[in-house]
Protein backbone atom coordinates (compact mmCIF):
# COMPACT_ATOMS: atom_id res chain seq x y z
CA MET A 1 -0.15 0.05 -0.04
CA SER A 2 1.19 3.56 -0.72
CA GLU A 3 2.46 5.46 2.22
CA VAL A 4 1.38 8.90 3.02
CA ILE A 5 4.75 11.03 3.24
CA GLU A 6 4.89 14.34 5.28
CA LEU A 7 7.07 16.89 3.60
CA ASP A 8 9.03 17.54 6.82
CA SER A 9 10.05 13.87 6.60
CA LEU A 10 11.65 14.59 3.19
CA ILE A 11 13.56 17.57 3.93
CA VAL A 12 16.62 15.98 5.31
CA TRP A 13 16.89 13.82 2.22
CA LEU A 14 16.76 16.91 -0.37
CA PRO A 15 17.55 16.73 -3.24
CA ILE A 16 15.22 13.52 -3.47
CA ARG A 17 16.04 10.71 -5.83
CA TRP A 18 12.69 9.85 -7.09
CA ALA A 19 13.95 6.65 -9.04
CA ASP A 20 14.96 5.49 -5.33
CA VAL A 21 11.43 6.13 -3.97
CA PHE A 22 9.71 4.29 -6.51
CA GLY A 23 12.30 1.74 -7.35
CA ASN A 24 12.66 2.46 -11.05
CA ASP A 25 13.22 5.32 -13.58
CA HIS A 26 9.70 5.19 -14.96
CA PRO A 27 8.61 8.89 -16.10
CA LEU A 28 7.42 10.86 -13.10
CA LYS A 29 3.91 12.42 -13.18
CA VAL A 30 2.55 14.68 -10.57
CA GLU A 31 -0.88 15.60 -9.58
CA ILE A 32 -1.27 18.78 -7.47
CA GLY A 33 -4.33 18.93 -5.24
CA PHE A 34 -5.67 15.49 -5.80
CA GLY A 35 -8.89 15.70 -3.67
CA ASN A 36 -10.33 12.07 -3.02
CA GLY A 37 -7.49 10.47 -5.37
CA SER A 38 -10.04 9.24 -8.00
CA PHE A 39 -8.32 10.98 -10.70
CA LEU A 40 -4.78 10.14 -9.49
CA VAL A 41 -5.62 6.36 -8.93
CA GLU A 42 -7.21 6.08 -12.44
CA MET A 43 -4.17 7.43 -14.10
CA ALA A 44 -1.88 5.17 -12.14
CA ARG A 45 -4.19 2.18 -13.05
CA GLN A 46 -4.03 2.96 -16.81
CA GLU A 47 -0.44 3.46 -16.90
CA PRO A 48 1.50 0.99 -14.88
CA ASP A 49 4.83 2.12 -16.43
CA GLY A 50 4.42 5.70 -14.97
CA ASN A 51 5.25 6.95 -11.57
CA PHE A 52 2.67 8.90 -9.95
CA LEU A 53 3.06 11.42 -7.07
CA GLY A 54 0.00 13.02 -5.50
CA VAL A 55 0.39 16.25 -3.48
CA GLU A 56 -2.50 17.20 -1.18
CA ILE A 57 -2.58 19.29 1.98
CA TYR A 58 -5.86 17.99 3.36
CA LYS A 59 -5.82 14.61 5.53
CA ARG A 60 -9.27 13.56 4.57
CA GLY A 61 -8.36 13.34 0.68
CA LEU A 62 -5.21 11.79 1.83
CA ARG A 63 -6.84 8.96 3.60
CA LYS A 64 -9.53 8.39 0.83
CA ALA A 65 -6.74 8.32 -1.85
CA LYS A 66 -4.57 5.83 0.53
CA LYS A 67 -7.63 3.30 0.56
CA ARG A 68 -8.32 3.64 -3.12
CA VAL A 69 -4.54 2.59 -3.83
CA GLY A 70 -4.59 -0.06 -1.30
CA ARG A 71 -7.68 -1.73 -2.70
CA LEU A 72 -6.20 -1.80 -6.29
CA GLY A 73 -2.91 -2.80 -5.06
CA LEU A 74 -1.06 -0.18 -6.94
CA THR A 75 2.70 0.07 -6.34
CA ASN A 76 3.29 3.02 -8.70
CA VAL A 77 1.75 5.73 -6.58
CA ARG A 78 3.06 7.82 -3.78
CA LEU A 79 0.92 10.16 -1.63
CA LEU A 80 2.59 13.41 -0.10
CA ARG A 81 1.01 15.82 2.37
CA ALA A 82 2.15 19.23 1.68
CA GLU A 83 1.22 22.68 0.56
CA ALA A 84 2.04 22.48 -3.25
CA GLU A 85 3.26 26.12 -3.67
CA ALA A 86 5.81 25.68 -1.15
CA ALA A 87 6.76 22.15 -1.72
CA ILE A 88 7.13 21.87 -5.56
CA PRO A 89 10.30 24.03 -5.79
CA LYS A 90 11.81 21.90 -3.10
CA LEU A 91 10.80 18.44 -4.22
CA PHE A 92 12.24 18.45 -7.84
CA GLY A 93 15.42 19.30 -9.57
CA PRO A 94 15.49 20.66 -13.06
CA ALA A 95 13.73 18.57 -15.78
CA GLU A 96 12.69 15.85 -13.39
CA VAL A 97 9.08 15.50 -14.08
CA SER A 98 7.12 14.46 -17.13
CA GLU A 99 3.82 15.59 -16.45
CA VAL A 100 2.01 17.92 -14.14
CA HIS A 101 -2.02 17.66 -13.35
CA ILE A 102 -3.85 20.55 -11.76
CA ASN A 103 -7.59 19.99 -11.53
CA PHE A 104 -9.95 22.58 -10.57
CA PRO A 105 -7.58 24.61 -8.39
CA ASP A 106 -9.22 27.10 -5.97
CA PRO A 107 -10.44 30.04 -7.89
CA TRP A 108 -10.65 32.36 -5.06
CA PRO A 109 -13.33 34.37 -6.81
CA LYS A 110 -13.23 37.35 -4.77
CA HIS A 111 -11.00 40.02 -6.34
CA LYS A 112 -9.17 40.90 -3.13
CA HIS A 113 -8.29 37.16 -2.57
CA ARG A 114 -7.01 36.27 -6.19
CA ARG A 115 -3.33 36.59 -4.90
CA ARG A 116 -4.02 33.17 -3.21
CA ARG A 117 -4.44 31.59 -6.42
CA LEU A 118 -2.04 28.64 -7.19
CA ILE A 119 -1.34 29.47 -10.57
CA LYS A 120 0.86 32.72 -10.50
CA PRO A 121 3.91 33.78 -12.64
CA GLU A 122 6.39 32.65 -10.01
CA PHE A 123 4.65 29.14 -9.83
CA VAL A 124 4.45 28.86 -13.76
CA LYS A 125 8.16 29.43 -13.66
CA THR A 126 8.66 26.70 -11.12
CA LEU A 127 6.76 24.32 -13.44
CA TYR A 128 8.90 25.31 -16.37
CA ARG A 129 11.99 24.41 -14.54
CA VAL A 130 10.95 21.09 -13.13
CA LEU A 131 9.35 19.80 -16.42
CA ARG A 132 11.66 17.84 -18.72
CA LEU A 133 11.81 18.88 -22.45
CA GLY A 134 8.51 17.96 -23.94
CA GLY A 135 6.86 17.48 -20.48
CA ARG A 136 3.30 18.92 -20.24
CA VAL A 137 0.99 20.75 -17.79
CA TYR A 138 -2.53 19.94 -17.86
CA LEU A 139 -4.95 22.42 -16.29
CA THR A 140 -8.59 22.17 -15.69
CA THR A 141 -11.09 24.78 -14.29
CA ASP A 142 -14.78 25.73 -14.49
CA TRP A 143 -13.85 29.52 -14.10
CA LEU A 144 -13.64 31.36 -17.42
CA ASP A 145 -11.53 34.08 -16.04
CA TYR A 146 -9.04 31.60 -14.08
CA ALA A 147 -8.61 29.95 -17.54
CA GLN A 148 -7.92 33.16 -19.19
CA GLU A 149 -5.41 34.35 -16.54
CA MET A 150 -3.70 31.05 -16.55
CA LEU A 151 -3.33 31.31 -20.33
CA GLN A 152 -1.82 34.76 -19.84
CA PHE A 153 0.70 33.62 -17.34
CA PHE A 154 2.04 30.77 -19.49
CA GLN A 155 2.09 32.90 -22.31
CA ASP A 156 4.19 35.59 -20.46
CA GLN A 157 6.54 32.90 -19.15
CA GLY A 158 7.35 31.61 -22.70
CA GLY A 159 9.12 28.24 -23.37
CA PHE A 160 5.81 26.39 -23.87
CA ILE A 161 3.81 25.52 -26.92
CA ASN A 162 0.16 25.88 -26.47
CA PRO A 163 -1.22 23.00 -28.94
CA ILE A 164 -4.92 24.15 -28.50
CA GLU A 165 -5.76 26.72 -31.15
CA LYS A 166 -8.05 28.76 -29.27
CA GLY A 167 -6.40 28.77 -25.92
CA PHE A 168 -8.29 26.03 -24.39
CA LEU A 169 -10.39 23.02 -25.08
CA SER A 170 -14.11 22.71 -24.92
CA GLN A 171 -13.91 19.00 -24.20
CA ALA A 172 -11.59 16.75 -22.11
CA PRO A 173 -8.46 15.46 -23.73
CA ALA A 174 -9.15 11.92 -25.09
CA GLY A 175 -8.65 9.04 -22.35
CA ARG A 176 -8.40 11.59 -19.65
CA PRO A 177 -10.01 10.33 -16.35
CA ILE A 178 -12.99 12.40 -15.28
CA THR A 179 -13.03 13.94 -11.68
CA LYS A 180 -15.77 14.05 -9.40
CA TYR A 181 -16.24 17.92 -9.68
CA GLU A 182 -15.97 17.53 -13.43
CA GLN A 183 -18.87 15.19 -13.42
CA GLY A 184 -21.08 17.36 -11.48
CA PHE A 185 -20.27 20.35 -13.78
CA LEU A 186 -20.72 18.59 -16.95
CA GLY A 187 -24.04 16.91 -15.67
CA GLU A 188 -25.31 20.46 -14.87
CA GLY A 189 -24.27 21.70 -18.38
CA GLN A 190 -21.73 23.99 -17.04
CA PRO A 191 -18.60 24.80 -19.15
CA VAL A 192 -15.23 23.29 -18.13
CA TYR A 193 -11.95 24.69 -19.51
CA TYR A 194 -9.09 22.53 -20.23
CA LEU A 195 -5.60 24.00 -20.96
CA ILE A 196 -2.33 22.40 -22.05
CA PHE A 197 1.12 23.51 -22.10
CA GLU A 198 4.23 21.56 -23.46
CA LYS A 199 7.70 22.83 -22.39
CA GLN A 200 10.24 23.57 -25.29
CA ALA A 201 13.97 24.20 -25.36
CA SER A 202 14.03 27.69 -24.40
CA ALA A 203 11.84 30.24 -22.43
CA GLY A 204 11.23 32.69 -25.31
CA PRO A 205 7.65 33.82 -26.20
CA VAL A 206 5.08 31.12 -26.02
CA GLU A 207 4.09 29.40 -29.44
CA ARG A 208 1.21 27.42 -30.52
CA ASN A 209 1.39 24.19 -32.37
CA ALA A 210 0.68 24.61 -36.10
CA ASP A 211 -1.24 21.21 -36.25
């Protein structure tokens, strides 16, 4: 069964050798804020040759995710209790991560609270640093203004290709698991916005894939 790791217990081991943590050098895929763990666990089940690290601050979600991992006997999942904005810069060296998934980050809808949003220029810069060449960030939100803001931050950072012609998708990428939140929004006919950014060789102006 997957262990729930506390960030404090990892500090003495920094920098972390994730190949040692998982016992192999398979691609490392990270979900930030995994909630009850359904999305993370389903990805891990579908991709046994990937290593999946879930980062979550809330103990209730961690307990639920641990039970899901245990029921399926998955060995390619690790769960970490930590606050992502502080943890991600410490956990990974340059170009260590293959994918980052962030589903429905708290939109902090009141204007005075928006500085609390996870996706900010400094965090986008961190994601660029930890992603390997060709690595991708997948973002999902039901807030149009947050989708637009995230799109702008990645464009300003540069070094990413946006493969979506109009900025974000109107439907989930093929084969992607559907989260509990997503099911609720889609069932009510509410729009959900999907964004994808792929890391390129240099942090110049953001580009769009011609395909």
